[in-house]
PDB file of all heavy atoms in Angstrom:
ATOM      1  N   SER A   1     -25.022  -7.217 127.963  1.00  0.00           N
ATOM      2  CA  SER A   1     -26.485  -6.997 127.999  1.00  0.00           C
ATOM      3  C   SER A   1     -26.853  -6.202 129.255  1.00  0.00           C
ATOM      4  O   SER A   1     -28.024  -5.899 129.505  1.00  0.00           O
ATOM      5  CB  SER A   1     -27.224  -8.330 127.994  1.00  0.00           C
ATOM      6  OG  SER A   1     -26.899  -9.084 129.112  1.00  0.00           O
ATOM      7  N   VAL A   2     -25.916  -5.949 130.183  1.00  0.00           N
ATOM      8  CA  VAL A   2     -26.176  -5.247 131.433  1.00  0.00           C
ATOM      9  C   VAL A   2     -26.305  -3.717 131.116  1.00  0.00           C
ATOM     10  O   VAL A   2     -25.461  -3.145 130.457  1.00  0.00           O
ATOM     11  CB  VAL A   2     -25.041  -5.446 132.468  1.00  0.00           C
ATOM     12  CG1 VAL A   2     -25.306  -4.611 133.726  1.00  0.00           C
ATOM     13  CG2 VAL A   2     -24.932  -6.911 132.817  1.00  0.00           C
ATOM     14  N   VAL A   3     -27.449  -3.190 131.566  1.00  0.00           N
ATOM     15  CA  VAL A   3     -27.700  -1.750 131.336  1.00  0.00           C
ATOM     16  C   VAL A   3     -27.088  -0.935 132.472  1.00  0.00           C
ATOM     17  O   VAL A   3     -27.473  -1.114 133.676  1.00  0.00           O
ATOM     18  CB  VAL A   3     -29.261  -1.485 131.258  1.00  0.00           C
ATOM     19  CG1 VAL A   3     -29.480  -0.032 131.055  1.00  0.00           C
ATOM     20  CG2 VAL A   3     -29.887  -2.307 130.196  1.00  0.00           C
ATOM     21  N   ARG A   4     -26.133  -0.217 132.146  1.00  0.00           N
ATOM     22  CA  ARG A   4     -25.440   0.625 133.160  1.00  0.00           C
ATOM     23  C   ARG A   4     -26.132   1.946 133.339  1.00  0.00           C
ATOM     24  O   ARG A   4     -26.483   2.619 132.329  1.00  0.00           O
ATOM     25  CB  ARG A   4     -23.994   0.856 132.776  1.00  0.00           C
ATOM     26  CG  ARG A   4     -23.144  -0.447 132.628  1.00  0.00           C
ATOM     27  CD  ARG A   4     -21.740  -0.106 132.253  1.00  0.00           C
ATOM     28  NE  ARG A   4     -21.021  -1.376 132.065  1.00  0.00           N
ATOM     29  CZ  ARG A   4     -20.429  -2.025 133.040  1.00  0.00           C
ATOM     30  NH1 ARG A   4     -20.500  -1.542 134.311  1.00  0.00           N
ATOM     31  NH2 ARG A   4     -19.748  -3.134 132.846  1.00  0.00           N
ATOM     32  N   PRO A   5     -26.339   2.425 134.589  1.00  0.00           N
ATOM     33  CA  PRO A   5     -26.944   3.726 134.782  1.00  0.00           C
ATOM     34  C   PRO A   5     -26.028   4.864 134.237  1.00  0.00           C
ATOM     35  O   PRO A   5     -24.817   4.756 134.307  1.00  0.00           O
ATOM     36  CB  PRO A   5     -27.117   3.797 136.289  1.00  0.00           C
ATOM     37  CG  PRO A   5     -26.051   2.901 136.837  1.00  0.00           C
ATOM     38  CD  PRO A   5     -25.928   1.770 135.825  1.00  0.00           C
ATOM     39  N   LYS A   6     -26.693   5.828 133.790  1.00  0.00           N
ATOM     40  CA  LYS A   6     -25.934   7.004 133.248  1.00  0.00           C
ATOM     41  C   LYS A   6     -25.369   7.848 134.445  1.00  0.00           C
ATOM     42  O   LYS A   6     -25.932   7.884 135.500  1.00  0.00           O
ATOM     43  CB  LYS A   6     -26.851   7.875 132.438  1.00  0.00           C
ATOM     44  CG  LYS A   6     -27.299   7.225 131.135  1.00  0.00           C
ATOM     45  CD  LYS A   6     -28.175   8.221 130.354  1.00  0.00           C
ATOM     46  CE  LYS A   6     -28.654   7.586 129.035  1.00  0.00           C
ATOM     47  NZ  LYS A   6     -29.481   8.532 128.294  1.00  0.00           N
ATOM     48  N   ALA A   7     -24.189   8.335 134.177  1.00  0.00           N
ATOM     49  CA  ALA A   7     -23.574   9.206 135.217  1.00  0.00           C
ATOM     50  C   ALA A   7     -24.405  10.463 135.385  1.00  0.00           C
ATOM     51  O   ALA A   7     -25.007  10.993 134.430  1.00  0.00           O
ATOM     52  CB  ALA A   7     -22.145   9.523 134.761  1.00  0.00           C
ATOM     53  N   PRO A   8     -24.505  10.927 136.636  1.00  0.00           N
ATOM     54  CA  PRO A   8     -25.317  12.133 136.889  1.00  0.00           C
ATOM     55  C   PRO A   8     -24.703  13.310 136.157  1.00  0.00           C
ATOM     56  O   PRO A   8     -23.521  13.485 136.122  1.00  0.00           O
ATOM     57  CB  PRO A   8     -25.245  12.313 138.434  1.00  0.00           C
ATOM     58  CG  PRO A   8     -24.043  11.520 138.822  1.00  0.00           C
ATOM     59  CD  PRO A   8     -23.890  10.407 137.866  1.00  0.00           C
ATOM     60  N   GLY A   9     -25.581  14.058 135.588  1.00  0.00           N
ATOM     61  CA  GLY A   9     -25.135  15.268 134.874  1.00  0.00           C
ATOM     62  C   GLY A   9     -24.617  16.384 135.769  1.00  0.00           C
ATOM     63  O   GLY A   9     -25.012  16.477 136.924  1.00  0.00           O
ATOM     64  N   LYS A  10     -23.668  17.121 135.315  1.00  0.00           N
ATOM     65  CA  LYS A  10     -23.090  18.239 136.090  1.00  0.00           C
ATOM     66  C   LYS A  10     -23.638  19.574 135.733  1.00  0.00           C
ATOM     67  O   LYS A  10     -23.207  20.575 136.258  1.00  0.00           O
ATOM     68  CB  LYS A  10     -21.575  18.236 135.820  1.00  0.00           C
ATOM     69  CG  LYS A  10     -20.878  16.971 136.291  1.00  0.00           C
ATOM     70  CD  LYS A  10     -19.382  17.073 136.091  1.00  0.00           C
ATOM     71  CE  LYS A  10     -18.653  15.827 136.555  1.00  0.00           C
ATOM     72  NZ  LYS A  10     -17.168  15.910 136.389  1.00  0.00           N
ATOM     73  N   ILE A  11     -24.703  19.552 134.888  1.00  0.00           N
ATOM     74  CA  ILE A  11     -25.297  20.858 134.528  1.00  0.00           C
ATOM     75  C   ILE A  11     -25.919  21.552 135.712  1.00  0.00           C
ATOM     76  O   ILE A  11     -25.770  22.768 135.909  1.00  0.00           O
ATOM     77  CB  ILE A  11     -26.369  20.674 133.410  1.00  0.00           C
ATOM     78  CG1 ILE A  11     -25.689  20.072 132.121  1.00  0.00           C
ATOM     79  CG2 ILE A  11     -27.073  21.965 133.058  1.00  0.00           C
ATOM     80  CD1 ILE A  11     -26.658  19.797 131.057  1.00  0.00           C
ATOM     81  N   LYS A  12     -26.588  20.730 136.631  1.00  0.00           N
ATOM     82  CA  LYS A  12     -27.227  21.300 137.782  1.00  0.00           C
ATOM     83  C   LYS A  12     -26.179  21.969 138.699  1.00  0.00           C
ATOM     84  O   LYS A  12     -26.420  23.035 139.202  1.00  0.00           O
ATOM     85  CB  LYS A  12     -27.933  20.221 138.552  1.00  0.00           C
ATOM     86  CG  LYS A  12     -28.645  20.733 139.811  1.00  0.00           C
ATOM     87  CD  LYS A  12     -29.418  19.538 140.495  1.00  0.00           C
ATOM     88  CE  LYS A  12     -30.033  20.037 141.768  1.00  0.00           C
ATOM     89  NZ  LYS A  12     -30.752  18.917 142.459  1.00  0.00           N
ATOM     90  N   HIS A  13     -25.017  21.348 138.863  1.00  0.00           N
ATOM     91  CA  HIS A  13     -23.981  21.896 139.732  1.00  0.00           C
ATOM     92  C   HIS A  13     -23.406  23.180 139.114  1.00  0.00           C
ATOM     93  O   HIS A  13     -23.211  24.212 139.854  1.00  0.00           O
ATOM     94  CB  HIS A  13     -22.875  20.875 139.980  1.00  0.00           C
ATOM     95  CG  HIS A  13     -23.325  19.587 140.580  1.00  0.00           C
ATOM     96  ND1 HIS A  13     -23.708  19.534 141.909  1.00  0.00           N
ATOM     97  CD2 HIS A  13     -23.458  18.375 140.070  1.00  0.00           C
ATOM     98  CE1 HIS A  13     -24.085  18.288 142.141  1.00  0.00           C
ATOM     99  NE2 HIS A  13     -23.944  17.543 141.052  1.00  0.00           N
ATOM    100  N   TYR A  14     -23.159  23.163 137.798  1.00  0.00           N
ATOM    101  CA  TYR A  14     -22.636  24.326 137.181  1.00  0.00           C
ATOM    102  C   TYR A  14     -23.672  25.544 137.197  1.00  0.00           C
ATOM    103  O   TYR A  14     -23.300  26.691 137.419  1.00  0.00           O
ATOM    104  CB  TYR A  14     -22.327  24.041 135.669  1.00  0.00           C
ATOM    105  CG  TYR A  14     -21.191  23.104 135.545  1.00  0.00           C
ATOM    106  CD1 TYR A  14     -21.106  22.200 134.463  1.00  0.00           C
ATOM    107  CD2 TYR A  14     -20.083  23.092 136.425  1.00  0.00           C
ATOM    108  CE1 TYR A  14     -20.025  21.337 134.305  1.00  0.00           C
ATOM    109  CE2 TYR A  14     -19.044  22.251 136.300  1.00  0.00           C
ATOM    110  CZ  TYR A  14     -19.044  21.328 135.221  1.00  0.00           C
ATOM    111  OH  TYR A  14     -17.926  20.533 135.040  1.00  0.00           O
ATOM    112  N   LEU A  15     -24.951  25.165 137.072  1.00  0.00           N
ATOM    113  CA  LEU A  15     -25.954  26.239 137.126  1.00  0.00           C
ATOM    114  C   LEU A  15     -26.057  26.819 138.516  1.00  0.00           C
ATOM    115  O   LEU A  15     -26.193  28.015 138.715  1.00  0.00           O
ATOM    116  CB  LEU A  15     -27.323  25.628 136.741  1.00  0.00           C
ATOM    117  CG  LEU A  15     -28.504  26.607 136.684  1.00  0.00           C
ATOM    118  CD1 LEU A  15     -28.254  27.703 135.690  1.00  0.00           C
ATOM    119  CD2 LEU A  15     -29.826  25.820 136.343  1.00  0.00           C
ATOM    120  N   THR A  16     -26.020  25.904 139.580  1.00  0.00           N
ATOM    121  CA  THR A  16     -26.053  26.443 140.916  1.00  0.00           C
ATOM    122  C   THR A  16     -24.861  27.328 141.231  1.00  0.00           C
ATOM    123  O   THR A  16     -24.987  28.381 141.831  1.00  0.00           O
ATOM    124  CB  THR A  16     -26.044  25.274 141.904  1.00  0.00           C
ATOM    125  OG1 THR A  16     -27.159  24.402 141.639  1.00  0.00           O
ATOM    126  CG2 THR A  16     -26.125  25.749 143.364  1.00  0.00           C
ATOM    127  N   LEU A  17     -23.648  26.941 140.810  1.00  0.00           N
ATOM    128  CA  LEU A  17     -22.452  27.726 140.970  1.00  0.00           C
ATOM    129  C   LEU A  17     -22.595  29.069 140.285  1.00  0.00           C
ATOM    130  O   LEU A  17     -22.198  30.103 140.820  1.00  0.00           O
ATOM    131  CB  LEU A  17     -21.260  26.975 140.508  1.00  0.00           C
ATOM    132  CG  LEU A  17     -19.881  27.735 140.666  1.00  0.00           C
ATOM    133  CD1 LEU A  17     -19.597  28.060 142.109  1.00  0.00           C
ATOM    134  CD2 LEU A  17     -18.772  26.877 140.052  1.00  0.00           C
ATOM    135  N   THR A  18     -23.151  29.022 139.059  1.00  0.00           N
ATOM    136  CA  THR A  18     -23.305  30.275 138.319  1.00  0.00           C
ATOM    137  C   THR A  18     -24.283  31.250 139.039  1.00  0.00           C
ATOM    138  O   THR A  18     -24.012  32.462 139.132  1.00  0.00           O
ATOM    139  CB  THR A  18     -23.804  29.950 136.913  1.00  0.00           C
ATOM    140  OG1 THR A  18     -22.881  29.095 136.244  1.00  0.00           O
ATOM    141  CG2 THR A  18     -23.969  31.244 136.092  1.00  0.00           C
ATOM    142  N   ILE A  19     -25.364  30.722 139.560  1.00  0.00           N
ATOM    143  CA  ILE A  19     -26.335  31.586 140.286  1.00  0.00           C
ATOM    144  C   ILE A  19     -25.691  32.179 141.522  1.00  0.00           C
ATOM    145  O   ILE A  19     -25.917  33.351 141.848  1.00  0.00           O
ATOM    146  CB  ILE A  19     -27.570  30.745 140.604  1.00  0.00           C
ATOM    147  CG1 ILE A  19     -28.336  30.366 139.345  1.00  0.00           C
ATOM    148  CG2 ILE A  19     -28.501  31.503 141.563  1.00  0.00           C
ATOM    149  CD1 ILE A  19     -29.482  29.421 139.629  1.00  0.00           C
ATOM    150  N   ILE A  20     -24.923  31.357 142.254  1.00  0.00           N
ATOM    151  CA  ILE A  20     -24.290  31.867 143.471  1.00  0.00           C
ATOM    152  C   ILE A  20     -23.311  32.982 143.172  1.00  0.00           C
ATOM    153  O   ILE A  20     -23.275  34.007 143.830  1.00  0.00           O
ATOM    154  CB  ILE A  20     -23.590  30.723 144.198  1.00  0.00           C
ATOM    155  CG1 ILE A  20     -24.617  29.757 144.783  1.00  0.00           C
ATOM    156  CG2 ILE A  20     -22.706  31.264 145.389  1.00  0.00           C
ATOM    157  CD1 ILE A  20     -23.998  28.481 145.417  1.00  0.00           C
ATOM    158  N   LEU A  21     -22.500  32.803 142.105  1.00  0.00           N
ATOM    159  CA  LEU A  21     -21.504  33.821 141.679  1.00  0.00           C
ATOM    160  C   LEU A  21     -22.235  35.099 141.230  1.00  0.00           C
ATOM    161  O   LEU A  21     -21.774  36.189 141.545  1.00  0.00           O
ATOM    162  CB  LEU A  21     -20.618  33.254 140.580  1.00  0.00           C
ATOM    163  CG  LEU A  21     -19.685  32.161 140.999  1.00  0.00           C
ATOM    164  CD1 LEU A  21     -18.859  31.622 139.817  1.00  0.00           C
ATOM    165  CD2 LEU A  21     -18.710  32.627 142.067  1.00  0.00           C
ATOM    166  N   LEU A  22     -23.356  34.945 140.518  1.00  0.00           N
ATOM    167  CA  LEU A  22     -24.135  36.114 140.077  1.00  0.00           C
ATOM    168  C   LEU A  22     -24.731  36.858 141.327  1.00  0.00           C
ATOM    169  O   LEU A  22     -24.692  38.077 141.337  1.00  0.00           O
ATOM    170  CB  LEU A  22     -25.226  35.677 139.148  1.00  0.00           C
ATOM    171  CG  LEU A  22     -24.800  35.247 137.746  1.00  0.00           C
ATOM    172  CD1 LEU A  22     -25.996  34.777 136.907  1.00  0.00           C
ATOM    173  CD2 LEU A  22     -24.088  36.417 136.990  1.00  0.00           C
ATOM    174  N   LEU A  23     -25.157  36.066 142.276  1.00  0.00           N
ATOM    175  CA  LEU A  23     -25.690  36.788 143.492  1.00  0.00           C
ATOM    176  C   LEU A  23     -24.595  37.491 144.238  1.00  0.00           C
ATOM    177  O   LEU A  23     -24.848  38.630 144.711  1.00  0.00           O
ATOM    178  CB  LEU A  23     -26.340  35.721 144.374  1.00  0.00           C
ATOM    179  CG  LEU A  23     -27.684  35.124 143.929  1.00  0.00           C
ATOM    180  CD1 LEU A  23     -28.119  33.982 144.831  1.00  0.00           C
ATOM    181  CD2 LEU A  23     -28.779  36.206 143.852  1.00  0.00           C
ATOM    182  N   ILE A  24     -23.444  36.896 144.338  1.00  0.00           N
ATOM    183  CA  ILE A  24     -22.315  37.593 145.020  1.00  0.00           C
ATOM    184  C   ILE A  24     -21.910  38.828 144.249  1.00  0.00           C
ATOM    185  O   ILE A  24     -21.683  39.885 144.852  1.00  0.00           O
ATOM    186  CB  ILE A  24     -21.123  36.618 145.167  1.00  0.00           C
ATOM    187  CG1 ILE A  24     -21.522  35.439 146.096  1.00  0.00           C
ATOM    188  CG2 ILE A  24     -19.884  37.296 145.697  1.00  0.00           C
ATOM    189  CD1 ILE A  24     -20.441  34.391 146.232  1.00  0.00           C
ATOM    190  N   TRP A  25     -21.792  38.671 142.928  1.00  0.00           N
ATOM    191  CA  TRP A  25     -21.442  39.864 142.115  1.00  0.00           C
ATOM    192  C   TRP A  25     -22.485  40.941 142.229  1.00  0.00           C
ATOM    193  O   TRP A  25     -22.108  42.154 142.359  1.00  0.00           O
ATOM    194  CB  TRP A  25     -21.258  39.399 140.663  1.00  0.00           C
ATOM    195  CG  TRP A  25     -20.969  40.594 139.721  1.00  0.00           C
ATOM    196  CD1 TRP A  25     -19.749  41.170 139.543  1.00  0.00           C
ATOM    197  CD2 TRP A  25     -21.959  41.304 138.930  1.00  0.00           C
ATOM    198  NE1 TRP A  25     -19.882  42.204 138.676  1.00  0.00           N
ATOM    199  CE2 TRP A  25     -21.200  42.326 138.250  1.00  0.00           C
ATOM    200  CE3 TRP A  25     -23.252  41.131 138.718  1.00  0.00           C
ATOM    201  CZ2 TRP A  25     -21.849  43.164 137.394  1.00  0.00           C
ATOM    202  CZ3 TRP A  25     -23.906  42.014 137.825  1.00  0.00           C
ATOM    203  CH2 TRP A  25     -23.225  42.999 137.182  1.00  0.00           C
TER     204      TRP A  25
END
């Protein structure tokens, strides 16, 4: 019955990395 918190999503990190790579390119 214990509600476990969901693991933080990695979409934000992937999106940030994508933006940085696009800026560098």
